[in-house]
C-alpha atoms as a PDB file:
ATOM      1  CA  MET A   1      -0.006  -0.045  -0.002  1.00  0.00           C
ATOM      2  CA  ILE A   2       1.030   3.537  -0.564  1.00  0.00           C
ATOM      3  CA  THR A   3       1.052   5.790   2.451  1.00  0.00           C
ATOM      4  CA  THR A   4      -0.157   9.276   1.446  1.00  0.00           C
ATOM      5  CA  LYS A   5      -2.267  12.032   3.004  1.00  0.00           C
ATOM      6  CA  ASP A   6      -4.881  11.765   0.205  1.00  0.00           C
ATOM      7  CA  ASN A   7      -6.769   8.836  -1.085  1.00  0.00           C
ATOM      8  CA  ILE A   8      -5.032   8.361  -4.435  1.00  0.00           C
ATOM      9  CA  THR A   9      -7.877   5.999  -5.634  1.00  0.00           C
ATOM     10  CA  GLN A  10     -10.492   8.525  -4.904  1.00  0.00           C
ATOM     11  CA  ILE A  11      -8.478  11.291  -6.691  1.00  0.00           C
ATOM     12  CA  ILE A  12      -8.007   9.389  -9.892  1.00  0.00           C
ATOM     13  CA  GLU A  13     -11.632   8.282 -10.028  1.00  0.00           C
ATOM     14  CA  THR A  14     -12.735  11.985  -9.465  1.00  0.00           C
ATOM     15  CA  ASN A  15     -10.173  13.875 -11.491  1.00  0.00           C
ATOM     16  CA  GLY A  16      -8.884  11.282 -14.020  1.00  0.00           C
ATOM     17  CA  TYR A  17      -5.308  11.647 -12.877  1.00  0.00           C
ATOM     18  CA  VAL A  18      -3.037  11.621  -9.725  1.00  0.00           C
ATOM     19  CA  ILE A  19       0.461  12.727  -9.207  1.00  0.00           C
ATOM     20  CA  VAL A  20       2.700  10.668  -6.851  1.00  0.00           C
ATOM     21  CA  LYS A  21       5.787  12.302  -5.682  1.00  0.00           C
ATOM     22  CA  ASN A  22       9.509  11.184  -5.355  1.00  0.00           C
ATOM     23  CA  ILE A  23       8.821   7.574  -6.699  1.00  0.00           C
ATOM     24  CA  LEU A  24      12.223   7.313  -8.589  1.00  0.00           C
ATOM     25  CA  SER A  25      15.526   8.347  -7.293  1.00  0.00           C
ATOM     26  CA  ALA A  26      18.026  10.683  -9.045  1.00  0.00           C
ATOM     27  CA  ASN A  27      20.113   7.696 -10.061  1.00  0.00           C
ATOM     28  CA  GLU A  28      16.927   5.924 -11.653  1.00  0.00           C
ATOM     29  CA  ILE A  29      16.238   9.015 -13.549  1.00  0.00           C
ATOM     30  CA  LYS A  30      19.580   9.220 -14.665  1.00  0.00           C
ATOM     31  CA  ARG A  31      19.615   5.630 -15.877  1.00  0.00           C
ATOM     32  CA  LEU A  32      16.447   6.364 -17.767  1.00  0.00           C
ATOM     33  CA  ARG A  33      17.655   9.512 -19.356  1.00  0.00           C
ATOM     34  CA  GLU A  34      20.820   7.864 -20.567  1.00  0.00           C
ATOM     35  CA  THR A  35      18.942   4.911 -22.074  1.00  0.00           C
ATOM     36  CA  VAL A  36      16.320   6.989 -23.746  1.00  0.00           C
ATOM     37  CA  ARG A  37      18.793   9.753 -24.987  1.00  0.00           C
ATOM     38  CA  ASN A  38      21.393   7.088 -26.378  1.00  0.00           C
ATOM     39  CA  TYR A  39      18.417   5.328 -28.280  1.00  0.00           C
ATOM     40  CA  PHE A  40      17.281   8.314 -29.983  1.00  0.00           C
ATOM     41  CA  LEU A  41      20.875   9.289 -31.064  1.00  0.00           C
ATOM     42  CA  LEU A  42      20.526   6.524 -33.805  1.00  0.00           C
ATOM     43  CA  GLN A  43      16.814   5.546 -33.904  1.00  0.00           C
ATOM     44  CA  GLY A  44      13.332   6.684 -33.440  1.00  0.00           C
ATOM     45  CA  VAL A  45      10.278   7.630 -35.611  1.00  0.00           C
ATOM     46  CA  PRO A  46       9.958  11.478 -36.468  1.00  0.00           C
ATOM     47  CA  PHE A  47       6.951  12.754 -34.908  1.00  0.00           C
ATOM     48  CA  ALA A  48       5.384  16.055 -33.572  1.00  0.00           C
ATOM     49  CA  SER A  49       8.594  18.079 -34.079  1.00  0.00           C
ATOM     50  CA  GLY A  50      10.636  15.399 -32.315  1.00  0.00           C
ATOM     51  CA  LEU A  51      11.201  11.662 -31.964  1.00  0.00           C
ATOM     52  CA  THR A  52       9.028   8.888 -30.683  1.00  0.00           C
ATOM     53  CA  GLN A  53       9.461   5.174 -30.358  1.00  0.00           C
ATOM     54  CA  PRO A  54       6.145   3.215 -30.133  1.00  0.00           C
ATOM     55  CA  ASN A  55       6.269  -0.381 -28.950  1.00  0.00           C
ATOM     56  CA  ALA A  56       9.258   0.483 -26.887  1.00  0.00           C
ATOM     57  CA  ALA A  57       8.398  -2.328 -24.487  1.00  0.00           C
ATOM     58  CA  VAL A  58       9.510  -4.684 -27.262  1.00  0.00           C
ATOM     59  CA  GLN A  59      12.135  -2.364 -29.203  1.00  0.00           C
ATOM     60  CA  VAL A  60      13.791  -0.795 -26.166  1.00  0.00           C
ATOM     61  CA  PRO A  61      14.082  -3.590 -23.688  1.00  0.00           C
ATOM     62  CA  ASP A  62      16.669  -1.617 -21.633  1.00  0.00           C
ATOM     63  CA  VAL A  63      13.798   0.591 -20.127  1.00  0.00           C
ATOM     64  CA  ASN A  64      11.723  -2.513 -19.114  1.00  0.00           C
ATOM     65  CA  TRP A  65      13.031  -2.390 -15.501  1.00  0.00           C
ATOM     66  CA  ILE A  66      10.891   0.482 -14.858  1.00  0.00           C
ATOM     67  CA  PHE A  67       7.613  -1.305 -15.583  1.00  0.00           C
ATOM     68  CA  TYR A  68       8.055  -3.589 -12.862  1.00  0.00           C
ATOM     69  CA  HIS A  69       9.760  -1.087 -10.443  1.00  0.00           C
ATOM     70  CA  PRO A  70       8.445  -2.095  -6.930  1.00  0.00           C
ATOM     71  CA  LYS A  71       7.185   1.373  -6.104  1.00  0.00           C
ATOM     72  CA  ILE A  72       5.388   1.810  -9.381  1.00  0.00           C
ATOM     73  CA  LEU A  73       3.748  -1.704  -9.109  1.00  0.00           C
ATOM     74  CA  ALA A  74       2.594  -0.795  -5.514  1.00  0.00           C
ATOM     75  CA  VAL A  75       1.134   2.511  -6.922  1.00  0.00           C
ATOM     76  CA  MET A  76      -0.728   0.735  -9.795  1.00  0.00           C
ATOM     77  CA  SER A  77      -2.021  -2.056  -7.539  1.00  0.00           C
ATOM     78  CA  GLU A  78      -3.434   0.527  -4.983  1.00  0.00           C
ATOM     79  CA  LEU A  79      -4.955   2.619  -7.904  1.00  0.00           C
ATOM     80  CA  LEU A  80      -6.530  -0.557  -9.444  1.00  0.00           C
ATOM     81  CA  GLY A  81      -7.657  -1.866  -6.168  1.00  0.00           C
ATOM     82  CA  GLN A  82      -5.982  -5.233  -6.337  1.00  0.00           C
ATOM     83  CA  ASN A  83      -2.792  -7.004  -6.650  1.00  0.00           C
ATOM     84  CA  ASN A  84      -3.600  -8.804  -9.873  1.00  0.00           C
ATOM     85  CA  ILE A  85      -2.981  -6.156 -12.553  1.00  0.00           C
ATOM     86  CA  MET A  86      -2.286  -6.391 -16.175  1.00  0.00           C
ATOM     87  CA  PHE A  87       0.569  -4.954 -18.257  1.00  0.00           C
ATOM     88  CA  THR A  88      -0.813  -4.004 -21.729  1.00  0.00           C
ATOM     89  CA  SER A  89       2.543  -4.040 -23.449  1.00  0.00           C
ATOM     90  CA  HIS A  90       1.988  -0.448 -24.467  1.00  0.00           C
ATOM     91  CA  CYS A  91       5.024   1.968 -24.085  1.00  0.00           C
ATOM     92  CA  ASP A  92       6.074   4.955 -25.963  1.00  0.00           C
ATOM     93  CA  ILE A  93       9.185   7.121 -25.253  1.00  0.00           C
ATOM     94  CA  HIS A  94       9.372  10.566 -26.549  1.00  0.00           C
ATOM     95  CA  SER A  95      12.329  13.164 -27.143  1.00  0.00           C
ATOM     96  CA  ARG A  96      11.284  16.859 -27.948  1.00  0.00           C
ATOM     97  CA  THR A  97       7.829  16.166 -29.064  1.00  0.00           C
ATOM     98  CA  LEU A  98       4.998  18.785 -29.109  1.00  0.00           C
ATOM     99  CA  SER A  99       1.441  17.835 -28.534  1.00  0.00           C
ATOM    100  CA  ALA A 100      -2.053  19.105 -28.771  1.00  0.00           C
ATOM    101  CA  TRP A 101      -5.339  18.151 -26.807  1.00  0.00           C
ATOM    102  CA  HIS A 102      -6.328  14.433 -27.173  1.00  0.00           C
ATOM    103  CA  LYS A 103      -7.396  11.337 -25.418  1.00  0.00           C
ATOM    104  CA  ASP A 104      -5.683   8.068 -25.377  1.00  0.00           C
ATOM    105  CA  ASP A 105      -8.718   5.739 -25.911  1.00  0.00           C
ATOM    106  CA  GLY A 106      -8.107   5.622 -29.587  1.00  0.00           C
ATOM    107  CA  LEU A 107     -11.500   7.072 -30.831  1.00  0.00           C
ATOM    108  CA  THR A 108      -9.461   9.502 -33.117  1.00  0.00           C
ATOM    109  CA  VAL A 109      -7.210   6.549 -34.226  1.00  0.00           C
ATOM    110  CA  MET A 110      -9.733   3.892 -35.302  1.00  0.00           C
ATOM    111  CA  GLU A 111     -13.457   3.234 -35.431  1.00  0.00           C
ATOM    112  CA  GLY A 112     -14.705   2.328 -31.901  1.00  0.00           C
ATOM    113  CA  GLY A 113     -11.415   3.345 -30.429  1.00  0.00           C
ATOM    114  CA  TYR A 114      -9.192   0.832 -28.600  1.00  0.00           C
ATOM    115  CA  PHE A 115     -12.204  -0.335 -26.410  1.00  0.00           C
ATOM    116  CA  GLY A 116     -14.431  -0.937 -29.422  1.00  0.00           C
ATOM    117  CA  TYR A 117     -16.947   1.757 -28.292  1.00  0.00           C
ATOM    118  CA  PRO A 118     -16.928   4.890 -26.084  1.00  0.00           C
ATOM    119  CA  THR A 119     -16.689   3.790 -22.413  1.00  0.00           C
ATOM    120  CA  TYR A 120     -17.014   7.092 -20.556  1.00  0.00           C
ATOM    121  CA  ASN A 121     -19.882   5.567 -18.381  1.00  0.00           C
ATOM    122  CA  GLU A 122     -18.128   2.171 -17.756  1.00  0.00           C
ATOM    123  CA  GLU A 123     -16.916   1.809 -14.146  1.00  0.00           C
ATOM    124  CA  ALA A 124     -15.140  -1.515 -14.846  1.00  0.00           C
ATOM    125  CA  CYS A 125     -13.082   0.186 -17.538  1.00  0.00           C
ATOM    126  CA  LYS A 126      -9.937   1.022 -15.607  1.00  0.00           C
ATOM    127  CA  VAL A 127      -6.876   1.517 -17.839  1.00  0.00           C
ATOM    128  CA  TYR A 128      -4.195   3.691 -16.397  1.00  0.00           C
ATOM    129  CA  LYS A 129      -1.400   5.317 -18.108  1.00  0.00           C
ATOM    130  CA  VAL A 130       1.974   6.101 -16.182  1.00  0.00           C
ATOM    131  CA  ALA A 131       3.767   9.247 -17.475  1.00  0.00           C
ATOM    132  CA  ILE A 132       7.377   9.919 -16.304  1.00  0.00           C
ATOM    133  CA  TYR A 133       9.046  13.015 -17.220  1.00  0.00           C
ATOM    134  CA  LEU A 134      12.853  12.733 -17.095  1.00  0.00           C
ATOM    135  CA  GLN A 135      13.553  16.239 -16.163  1.00  0.00           C
ATOM    136  CA  ASP A 136      11.747  19.106 -14.004  1.00  0.00           C
ATOM    137  CA  HIS A 137       8.655  20.647 -15.276  1.00  0.00           C
ATOM    138  CA  ASP A 138       7.642  22.727 -12.144  1.00  0.00           C
ATOM    139  CA  ASN A 139       8.873  25.962 -13.567  1.00  0.00           C
ATOM    140  CA  ASN A 140       7.551  25.577 -17.206  1.00  0.00           C
ATOM    141  CA  LYS A 141       4.723  24.119 -19.263  1.00  0.00           C
ATOM    142  CA  GLY A 142       6.694  21.403 -20.906  1.00  0.00           C
ATOM    143  CA  GLY A 143       4.909  18.776 -18.806  1.00  0.00           C
ATOM    144  CA  LEU A 144       1.353  17.473 -18.769  1.00  0.00           C
ATOM    145  CA  THR A 145      -1.724  19.675 -18.905  1.00  0.00           C
ATOM    146  CA  VAL A 146      -5.171  17.878 -18.292  1.00  0.00           C
ATOM    147  CA  ARG A 147      -8.782  18.557 -18.227  1.00  0.00           C
ATOM    148  CA  LYS A 148     -10.159  17.548 -14.797  1.00  0.00           C
ATOM    149  CA  GLY A 149     -12.941  14.948 -14.848  1.00  0.00           C
ATOM    150  CA  SER A 150     -12.736  14.563 -18.713  1.00  0.00           C
ATOM    151  CA  HIS A 151     -12.339  10.773 -18.413  1.00  0.00           C
ATOM    152  CA  GLU A 152     -15.995  10.873 -18.054  1.00  0.00           C
ATOM    153  CA  LEU A 153     -16.646  13.402 -20.778  1.00  0.00           C
ATOM    154  CA  PRO A 154     -16.556  12.523 -24.579  1.00  0.00           C
ATOM    155  CA  LYS A 155     -15.961  16.172 -25.829  1.00  0.00           C
ATOM    156  CA  ILE A 156     -12.375  17.167 -26.103  1.00  0.00           C
ATOM    157  CA  ASP A 157     -13.013  20.696 -24.787  1.00  0.00           C
ATOM    158  CA  ASP A 158     -14.992  19.823 -21.695  1.00  0.00           C
ATOM    159  CA  GLY A 159     -13.366  19.976 -18.124  1.00  0.00           C
ATOM    160  CA  GLU A 160     -11.265  22.479 -16.350  1.00  0.00           C
ATOM    161  CA  GLU A 161      -7.752  22.892 -17.609  1.00  0.00           C
ATOM    162  CA  PHE A 162      -5.067  22.304 -15.178  1.00  0.00           C
ATOM    163  CA  TYR A 163      -1.120  22.038 -15.639  1.00  0.00           C
ATOM    164  CA  ILE A 164       0.620  19.376 -13.467  1.00  0.00           C
ATOM    165  CA  PRO A 165       4.115  20.752 -12.323  1.00  0.00           C
ATOM    166  CA  THR A 166       6.295  17.786 -11.752  1.00  0.00           C
ATOM    167  CA  LYS A 167       9.884  17.227 -10.645  1.00  0.00           C
ATOM    168  CA  ALA A 168      12.120  14.515 -12.017  1.00  0.00           C
ATOM    169  CA  GLY A 169      11.258  11.520  -9.980  1.00  0.00           C
ATOM    170  CA  ASP A 170       7.516  12.069  -9.700  1.00  0.00           C
ATOM    171  CA  ILE A 171       5.032   9.992 -11.705  1.00  0.00           C
ATOM    172  CA  ILE A 172       1.645  11.048 -13.125  1.00  0.00           C
ATOM    173  CA  VAL A 173      -0.953   8.157 -13.495  1.00  0.00           C
ATOM    174  CA  PHE A 174      -3.937   9.065 -15.574  1.00  0.00           C
ATOM    175  CA  ASP A 175      -7.059   7.354 -17.036  1.00  0.00           C
ATOM    176  CA  VAL A 176      -6.499   6.830 -20.706  1.00  0.00           C
ATOM    177  CA  ARG A 177      -9.861   8.388 -21.421  1.00  0.00           C
ATOM    178  CA  LEU A 178      -8.702  11.826 -19.830  1.00  0.00           C
ATOM    179  CA  THR A 179      -8.417  14.696 -22.290  1.00  0.00           C
ATOM    180  CA  HIS A 180      -4.702  15.745 -22.060  1.00  0.00           C
ATOM    181  CA  THR A 181      -1.801  17.424 -23.806  1.00  0.00           C
ATOM    182  CA  GLY A 182       2.089  17.733 -23.447  1.00  0.00           C
ATOM    183  CA  GLN A 183       4.036  20.725 -24.527  1.00  0.00           C
ATOM    184  CA  ARG A 184       2.065  22.837 -26.917  1.00  0.00           C
ATOM    185  CA  ASP A 185       4.209  25.848 -27.403  1.00  0.00           C
ATOM    186  CA  ILE A 186       7.739  25.866 -28.748  1.00  0.00           C
ATOM    187  CA  ILE A 187       9.012  27.753 -25.835  1.00  0.00           C
ATOM    188  CA  PRO A 188       6.877  26.449 -22.848  1.00  0.00           C
ATOM    189  CA  TYR A 189       7.034  29.608 -20.759  1.00  0.00           C
ATOM    190  CA  PRO A 190       3.747  31.709 -20.863  1.00  0.00           C
ATOM    191  CA  SER A 191       5.789  34.850 -20.307  1.00  0.00           C
ATOM    192  CA  TRP A 192       7.868  34.208 -23.351  1.00  0.00           C
ATOM    193  CA  GLN A 193       4.556  33.752 -25.629  1.00  0.00           C
ATOM    194  CA  LYS A 194       4.698  37.382 -27.009  1.00  0.00           C
ATOM    195  CA  PRO A 195       8.562  37.551 -27.570  1.00  0.00           C
ATOM    196  CA  ASN A 196       8.296  34.232 -29.211  1.00  0.00           C
ATOM    197  CA  GLN A 197       5.660  35.407 -31.734  1.00  0.00           C
ATOM    198  CA  LEU A 198       7.557  38.481 -32.493  1.00  0.00           C
ATOM    199  CA  LEU A 199      10.796  36.670 -33.005  1.00  0.00           C
ATOM    200  CA  GLN A 200       8.995  34.393 -35.375  1.00  0.00           C
ATOM    201  CA  LYS A 201       7.482  37.292 -37.395  1.00  0.00           C
ATOM    202  CA  ALA A 202      11.018  38.847 -37.607  1.00  0.00           C
ATOM    203  CA  LEU A 203      12.532  35.668 -38.899  1.00  0.00           C
ATOM    204  CA  ASN A 204       9.719  35.459 -41.336  1.00  0.00           C
ATOM    205  CA  LYS A 205      10.113  39.203 -42.596  1.00  0.00           C
ATOM    206  CA  ILE A 206      13.687  39.878 -42.439  1.00  0.00           C
ATOM    207  CA  PHE A 207      15.210  36.467 -43.511  1.00  0.00           C
ATOM    208  CA  LYS A 208      12.228  35.392 -45.577  1.00  0.00           C
ATOM    209  CA  ILE A 209      11.825  32.040 -43.558  1.00  0.00           C
ATOM    210  CA  PRO A 210       8.431  30.357 -43.913  1.00  0.00           C
ATOM    211  CA  PRO A 211       6.449  30.160 -40.694  1.00  0.00           C
ATOM    212  CA  ASP A 212       7.082  26.371 -40.408  1.00  0.00           C
ATOM    213  CA  GLN A 213      10.771  26.770 -40.797  1.00  0.00           C
ATOM    214  CA  SER A 214      10.889  29.786 -38.282  1.00  0.00           C
ATOM    215  CA  LYS A 215       9.082  27.489 -35.629  1.00  0.00           C
ATOM    216  CA  LYS A 216      11.568  24.703 -36.461  1.00  0.00           C
ATOM    217  CA  HIS A 217      14.691  27.110 -35.966  1.00  0.00           C
ATOM    218  CA  LEU A 218      13.303  28.443 -32.768  1.00  0.00           C
ATOM    219  CA  LYS A 219      12.537  24.989 -31.414  1.00  0.00           C
ATOM    220  CA  ASN A 220      16.113  23.808 -32.252  1.00  0.00           C
ATOM    221  CA  ILE A 221      17.390  26.798 -30.316  1.00  0.00           C
ATOM    222  CA  TYR A 222      15.255  26.128 -27.342  1.00  0.00           C
ATOM    223  CA  ASP A 223      16.283  22.371 -27.294  1.00  0.00           C
ATOM    224  CA  LYS A 224      19.958  23.258 -27.253  1.00  0.00           C
ATOM    225  CA  LEU A 225      19.640  25.895 -24.694  1.00  0.00           C
ATOM    226  CA  PHE A 226      17.407  23.932 -22.263  1.00  0.00           C
ATOM    227  CA  GLY A 227      18.485  20.363 -22.821  1.00  0.00           C
ATOM    228  CA  GLU A 228      16.801  17.365 -24.372  1.00  0.00           C
ATOM    229  CA  ARG A 229      13.256  16.914 -23.110  1.00  0.00           C
ATOM    230  CA  LEU A 230      12.570  13.181 -22.611  1.00  0.00           C
ATOM    231  CA  SER A 231       9.481  11.205 -21.318  1.00  0.00           C
ATOM    232  CA  ILE A 232       8.284   7.582 -21.073  1.00  0.00           C
ATOM    233  CA  PHE A 233       4.629   6.520 -21.083  1.00  0.00           C
ATOM    234  CA  PHE A 234       3.312   2.989 -20.398  1.00  0.00           C
ATOM    235  CA  THR A 235      -0.053   1.458 -19.376  1.00  0.00           C
ATOM    236  CA  TYR A 236      -1.607  -0.926 -16.833  1.00  0.00           C
ATOM    237  CA  GLY A 237      -5.307  -2.093 -16.176  1.00  0.00           C
ATOM    238  CA  LEU A 238      -7.604  -4.342 -14.610  1.00  0.00           C
ATOM    239  CA  PRO A 239      -7.419  -7.899 -16.065  1.00  0.00           C
ATOM    240  CA  ASN A 240     -10.669  -7.876 -17.842  1.00  0.00           C
ATOM    241  CA  GLU A 241     -11.986  -7.416 -21.302  1.00  0.00           C
ATOM    242  CA  TYR A 242     -11.568  -3.649 -21.516  1.00  0.00           C
ATOM    243  CA  THR A 243      -7.861  -3.786 -20.825  1.00  0.00           C
ATOM    244  CA  LYS A 244      -7.590  -6.750 -23.238  1.00  0.00           C
ATOM    245  CA  SER A 245      -9.305  -4.880 -26.026  1.00  0.00           C
ATOM    246  CA  PHE A 246      -7.157  -1.665 -25.315  1.00  0.00           C
ATOM    247  CA  ALA A 247      -3.998  -3.882 -25.286  1.00  0.00           C
ATOM    248  CA  MET A 248      -4.804  -5.568 -28.674  1.00  0.00           C
ATOM    249  CA  ASN A 249      -6.056  -2.474 -30.483  1.00  0.00           C
ATOM    250  CA  ASN A 250      -3.332  -0.284 -29.139  1.00  0.00           C
ATOM    251  CA  MET A 251      -0.709  -2.665 -30.223  1.00  0.00           C
ATOM    252  CA  LYS A 252      -1.824  -2.453 -33.780  1.00  0.00           C
ATOM    253  CA  ARG A 253      -1.419   1.353 -33.557  1.00  0.00           C
ATOM    254  CA  GLN A 254       2.043   0.887 -32.229  1.00  0.00           C
ATOM    255  CA  LEU A 255       3.064  -1.633 -34.905  1.00  0.00           C
ATOM    256  CA  GLU A 256       1.746   0.526 -37.622  1.00  0.00           C
ATOM    257  CA  GLN A 257       3.515   3.674 -36.472  1.00  0.00           C
ATOM    258  CA  SER A 258       6.769   1.814 -35.701  1.00  0.00           C
ATOM    259  CA  LYS A 259       6.624  -0.315 -38.948  1.00  0.00           C
ATOM    260  CA  ASN A 260       7.535  -3.202 -36.777  1.00  0.00           C
ATOM    261  CA  THR A 261       6.110  -6.696 -36.492  1.00  0.00           C
ATOM    262  CA  ASN A 262       7.339  -7.831 -33.288  1.00  0.00           C
ATOM    263  CA  ILE A 263       4.640  -7.967 -30.662  1.00  0.00           C
ATOM    264  CA  PHE A 264       6.183 -10.134 -27.668  1.00  0.00           C
ATOM    265  CA  LEU A 265       8.346  -9.066 -24.811  1.00  0.00           C
ATOM    266  CA  SER A 266      11.877 -10.471 -24.399  1.00  0.00           C
ATOM    267  CA  PRO A 267      11.998 -13.789 -22.398  1.00  0.00           C
ATOM    268  CA  GLU A 268      13.796 -11.910 -19.682  1.00  0.00           C
ATOM    269  CA  SER A 269      11.123  -9.013 -19.346  1.00  0.00           C
ATOM    270  CA  ARG A 270       8.503 -11.592 -19.394  1.00  0.00           C
ATOM    271  CA  GLN A 271      10.078 -13.528 -16.540  1.00  0.00           C
ATOM    272  CA  GLN A 272      10.331 -10.453 -14.522  1.00  0.00           C
ATOM    273  CA  PHE A 273       6.594  -9.673 -14.866  1.00  0.00           C
ATOM    274  CA  ILE A 274       5.818 -13.217 -13.888  1.00  0.00           C
ATOM    275  CA  ASN A 275       8.097 -13.164 -10.796  1.00  0.00           C
ATOM    276  CA  ASN A 276       6.231 -10.027  -9.827  1.00  0.00           C
ATOM    277  CA  ASN A 277       2.547 -11.510 -10.345  1.00  0.00           C
ATOM    278  CA  VAL A 278       1.727  -9.297 -13.202  1.00  0.00           C
ATOM    279  CA  ILE A 279      -0.774 -10.648 -15.737  1.00  0.00           C
ATOM    280  CA  LEU A 280       0.373  -9.916 -19.370  1.00  0.00           C
ATOM    281  CA  ALA A 281      -1.915  -8.788 -22.018  1.00  0.00           C
ATOM    282  CA  GLU A 282       0.487 -10.377 -24.636  1.00  0.00           C
ATOM    283  CA  ASP A 283      -0.869 -13.719 -23.677  1.00  0.00           C
ATOM    284  CA  TYR A 284      -3.957 -12.713 -25.574  1.00  0.00           C
ATOM    285  CA  PHE A 285      -2.192 -11.560 -28.789  1.00  0.00           C
ATOM    286  CA  SER A 286      -2.369 -14.785 -30.457  1.00  0.00           C
ATOM    287  CA  ASP A 287      -5.065 -13.255 -32.989  1.00  0.00           C
ATOM    288  CA  LEU A 288      -2.571 -10.545 -33.797  1.00  0.00           C
ATOM    289  CA  VAL A 289       0.142 -12.907 -35.012  1.00  0.00           C
ATOM    290  CA  ASN A 290      -1.642 -13.621 -38.183  1.00  0.00           C
ATOM    291  CA  GLU A 291      -2.137  -9.943 -38.926  1.00  0.00           C
ATOM    292  CA  THR A 292       1.464  -8.966 -38.578  1.00  0.00           C
END
């Protein structure tokens, strides 16, 4: 059990997200940063002005220790209300990506979404994503912004907007149906918004640089000045039909995006999950084998 001043289960059921502080040590964050950064030096899929790697649980096995980190498993077991929880095989790692408002239930990706239909009123649908930012975001807007309670609301613009300030070592857990966004602006400081716009206009006018190119130049400058912004997302759920459906359909998305056909965890990772009594969604992926 997690000892906190607040009931984190009640918080996530009400707001659709919860932040848990100081889960990872400085050395663990350093280890993750080095693994993710080194991977993106040579590999990765261009995406949203940066790089991403879908299906990272399979393609970047060096990050897999974080999935069965004892503190994270304890948090997920408490949030899901039982020790028997399911790993969906979903994992995306990101470098320097920008974002826009969206939900992770797949309704904008495929017909019916990852669950097969909208599940905003389904209490048994508990599929939670873990977000780990590998640097501090308590003094900028480069982390996660959410719409509170929007995991129960189908419209993308419903719910109170709230930015979640985090330090490296914190984790955010959120319902995949929650409306959220990562960094939206090239320079994620509200006070810089007007100077940013003026600088883009100057580049466009003086140097005849098209707007999309001026944004790219500014983003490159920001990334060099403030360092590489890295993050990792992965997903657990209750071992029921909702989570199985999410896992299978989300894996289809990951495979299409990564252009890869491998859907199974390494034997070493699989054994670690088994040792920690985690149920694996990949045990239900047999129908995907003929499709890949």
